[in-house]
Amino acid sequence: MGDAVVCLCTCPDADTARRLAQHLVVSELAACVNMVPGVLSVFRWEGQIEEASEVLLIIKTLAPRVDALAAAIREIHPFEVPELVALPIVGGHRPYLDWLQASVA
């Protein structure tokens, strides 16, 4: 499937998620961003087990754009260490993947 990847990023609230999603698509760093509200995250932070209600962003982009996407997330995101993981897309609907490729600069 070439360079197509899905990136995951959690945000503390819907406003942050929407602002980040809009920026990523407008700047052509992502073809599409889905916002999934109501995600309950359990994680270790500074030696403590924490729980937080977050909004999950599912970001479709290309592997060569992940570094620029990460820089944009760090610029906008309020967390000291924002989550960003990139997962390769190993299959999918060819017309969708062609659209994804054409939508990312």
C-alpha atoms as a PDB file:
ATOM      1  CA  MET A   1       0.000   0.000   0.000  1.00  0.00           C
ATOM      2  CA  GLY A   2       3.027   2.216  -0.387  1.00  0.00           C
ATOM      3  CA  ASP A   3       3.624   4.988   2.095  1.00  0.00           C
ATOM      4  CA  ALA A   4       0.121   5.150   3.594  1.00  0.00           C
ATOM      5  CA  VAL A   5      -0.005   5.210   7.403  1.00  0.00           C
ATOM      6  CA  VAL A   6      -2.571   5.707  10.139  1.00  0.00           C
ATOM      7  CA  CYS A   7      -1.431   7.841  13.065  1.00  0.00           C
ATOM      8  CA  LEU A   8      -3.081   7.877  16.470  1.00  0.00           C
ATOM      9  CA  CYS A   9      -3.067  10.911  18.742  1.00  0.00           C
ATOM     10  CA  THR A  10      -5.142  11.601  21.852  1.00  0.00           C
ATOM     11  CA  CYS A  11      -6.293  15.093  22.818  1.00  0.00           C
ATOM     12  CA  PRO A  12      -7.624  16.360  26.158  1.00  0.00           C
ATOM     13  CA  ASP A  13     -10.853  17.792  24.717  1.00  0.00           C
ATOM     14  CA  ALA A  14     -12.947  18.271  21.593  1.00  0.00           C
ATOM     15  CA  ASP A  15     -11.773  21.837  20.951  1.00  0.00           C
ATOM     16  CA  THR A  16      -8.110  20.816  20.890  1.00  0.00           C
ATOM     17  CA  ALA A  17      -8.924  17.787  18.730  1.00  0.00           C
ATOM     18  CA  ARG A  18     -10.934  19.860  16.234  1.00  0.00           C
ATOM     19  CA  ARG A  19      -8.284  22.587  16.030  1.00  0.00           C
ATOM     20  CA  LEU A  20      -5.549  20.018  15.463  1.00  0.00           C
ATOM     21  CA  ALA A  21      -7.582  17.998  12.926  1.00  0.00           C
ATOM     22  CA  GLN A  22      -8.443  21.130  10.942  1.00  0.00           C
ATOM     23  CA  HIS A  23      -4.819  22.279  10.911  1.00  0.00           C
ATOM     24  CA  LEU A  24      -3.527  18.898   9.724  1.00  0.00           C
ATOM     25  CA  VAL A  25      -6.020  18.672   6.844  1.00  0.00           C
ATOM     26  CA  VAL A  26      -5.801  22.343   5.786  1.00  0.00           C
ATOM     27  CA  SER A  27      -1.994  22.187   5.736  1.00  0.00           C
ATOM     28  CA  GLU A  28      -2.185  18.933   3.692  1.00  0.00           C
ATOM     29  CA  LEU A  29      -0.296  16.946   6.331  1.00  0.00           C
ATOM     30  CA  ALA A  30      -3.258  14.562   6.518  1.00  0.00           C
ATOM     31  CA  ALA A  31      -5.907  13.461   4.050  1.00  0.00           C
ATOM     32  CA  CYS A  32      -8.496  12.814   6.756  1.00  0.00           C
ATOM     33  CA  VAL A  33      -8.745  12.934  10.535  1.00  0.00           C
ATOM     34  CA  ASN A  34     -11.469  11.124  12.469  1.00  0.00           C
ATOM     35  CA  MET A  35     -12.289  12.375  15.962  1.00  0.00           C
ATOM     36  CA  VAL A  36     -13.479   9.708  18.398  1.00  0.00           C
ATOM     37  CA  PRO A  37     -14.787  11.272  21.636  1.00  0.00           C
ATOM     38  CA  GLY A  38     -15.181   9.542  24.968  1.00  0.00           C
ATOM     39  CA  VAL A  39     -11.987   7.503  24.971  1.00  0.00           C
ATOM     40  CA  LEU A  40     -10.936   6.556  28.502  1.00  0.00           C
ATOM     41  CA  SER A  41      -7.153   6.372  28.742  1.00  0.00           C
ATOM     42  CA  VAL A  42      -5.272   4.696  31.608  1.00  0.00           C
ATOM     43  CA  PHE A  43      -1.558   5.472  31.672  1.00  0.00           C
ATOM     44  CA  ARG A  44       1.491   5.958  33.840  1.00  0.00           C
ATOM     45  CA  TRP A  45       2.679   9.571  34.144  1.00  0.00           C
ATOM     46  CA  GLU A  46       5.412  10.789  36.486  1.00  0.00           C
ATOM     47  CA  GLY A  47       5.228   7.590  38.524  1.00  0.00           C
ATOM     48  CA  GLN A  48       1.441   7.673  38.995  1.00  0.00           C
ATOM     49  CA  ILE A  49      -1.351   5.720  37.341  1.00  0.00           C
ATOM     50  CA  GLU A  50      -3.687   8.249  35.733  1.00  0.00           C
ATOM     51  CA  GLU A  51      -7.076   8.086  33.998  1.00  0.00           C
ATOM     52  CA  ALA A  52      -8.333  10.682  31.560  1.00  0.00           C
ATOM     53  CA  SER A  53     -11.270  11.124  29.214  1.00  0.00           C
ATOM     54  CA  GLU A  54      -9.781  12.044  25.837  1.00  0.00           C
ATOM     55  CA  VAL A  55     -10.618  12.445  22.159  1.00  0.00           C
ATOM     56  CA  LEU A  56      -8.768  10.049  19.872  1.00  0.00           C
ATOM     57  CA  LEU A  57      -7.613  11.336  16.497  1.00  0.00           C
ATOM     58  CA  ILE A  58      -7.251   8.756  13.732  1.00  0.00           C
ATOM     59  CA  ILE A  59      -5.065  10.470  11.157  1.00  0.00           C
ATOM     60  CA  LYS A  60      -4.537   9.162   7.608  1.00  0.00           C
ATOM     61  CA  THR A  61      -1.313  10.388   6.006  1.00  0.00           C
ATOM     62  CA  LEU A  62       1.876   9.280   4.260  1.00  0.00           C
ATOM     63  CA  ALA A  63       5.009   8.019   5.994  1.00  0.00           C
ATOM     64  CA  PRO A  64       7.257  10.773   4.571  1.00  0.00           C
ATOM     65  CA  ARG A  65       4.961  13.396   6.218  1.00  0.00           C
ATOM     66  CA  VAL A  66       5.005  11.893   9.730  1.00  0.00           C
ATOM     67  CA  ASP A  67       7.899  14.088  10.942  1.00  0.00           C
ATOM     68  CA  ALA A  68       6.158  17.276   9.764  1.00  0.00           C
ATOM     69  CA  LEU A  69       2.882  16.021  11.231  1.00  0.00           C
ATOM     70  CA  ALA A  70       4.637  15.382  14.563  1.00  0.00           C
ATOM     71  CA  ALA A  71       6.068  18.915  14.514  1.00  0.00           C
ATOM     72  CA  ALA A  72       2.596  20.379  13.911  1.00  0.00           C
ATOM     73  CA  ILE A  73       1.143  18.309  16.757  1.00  0.00           C
ATOM     74  CA  ARG A  74       3.887  19.445  19.151  1.00  0.00           C
ATOM     75  CA  GLU A  75       3.221  23.064  18.152  1.00  0.00           C
ATOM     76  CA  ILE A  76      -0.537  22.944  18.851  1.00  0.00           C
ATOM     77  CA  HIS A  77      -1.000  20.177  21.422  1.00  0.00           C
ATOM     78  CA  PRO A  78      -1.152  21.221  25.107  1.00  0.00           C
ATOM     79  CA  PHE A  79       0.401  18.015  26.474  1.00  0.00           C
ATOM     80  CA  GLU A  80       4.080  17.990  27.410  1.00  0.00           C
ATOM     81  CA  VAL A  81       4.403  14.630  25.632  1.00  0.00           C
ATOM     82  CA  PRO A  82       1.578  14.243  23.094  1.00  0.00           C
ATOM     83  CA  GLU A  83       0.822  10.757  21.846  1.00  0.00           C
ATOM     84  CA  LEU A  84       1.695  10.064  18.233  1.00  0.00           C
ATOM     85  CA  VAL A  85       2.165   6.595  16.806  1.00  0.00           C
ATOM     86  CA  ALA A  86       2.234   5.719  13.105  1.00  0.00           C
ATOM     87  CA  LEU A  87       1.007   2.354  11.861  1.00  0.00           C
ATOM     88  CA  PRO A  88       1.548   1.132   8.294  1.00  0.00           C
ATOM     89  CA  ILE A  89      -1.481   0.436   6.148  1.00  0.00           C
ATOM     90  CA  VAL A  90      -0.967  -2.998   4.624  1.00  0.00           C
ATOM     91  CA  GLY A  91      -4.183  -3.203   2.621  1.00  0.00           C
ATOM     92  CA  GLY A  92      -7.318  -1.347   1.717  1.00  0.00           C
ATOM     93  CA  HIS A  93      -9.640  -0.095  -0.979  1.00  0.00           C
ATOM     94  CA  ARG A  94      -7.380   1.083  -3.827  1.00  0.00           C
ATOM     95  CA  PRO A  95      -9.495   4.145  -4.801  1.00  0.00           C
ATOM     96  CA  TYR A  96      -9.457   5.337  -1.173  1.00  0.00           C
ATOM     97  CA  LEU A  97      -5.707   4.836  -0.900  1.00  0.00           C
ATOM     98  CA  ASP A  98      -5.200   6.689  -4.204  1.00  0.00           C
ATOM     99  CA  TRP A  99      -7.294   9.577  -2.835  1.00  0.00           C
ATOM    100  CA  LEU A 100      -5.226   9.555   0.387  1.00  0.00           C
ATOM    101  CA  GLN A 101      -1.995   9.720  -1.642  1.00  0.00           C
ATOM    102  CA  ALA A 102      -3.314  12.615  -3.744  1.00  0.00           C
ATOM    103  CA  SER A 103      -4.584  14.552  -0.702  1.00  0.00           C
ATOM    104  CA  VAL A 104      -1.309  14.811   1.207  1.00  0.00           C
ATOM    105  CA  ALA A 105       1.293  17.289   0.001  1.00  0.00           C
END
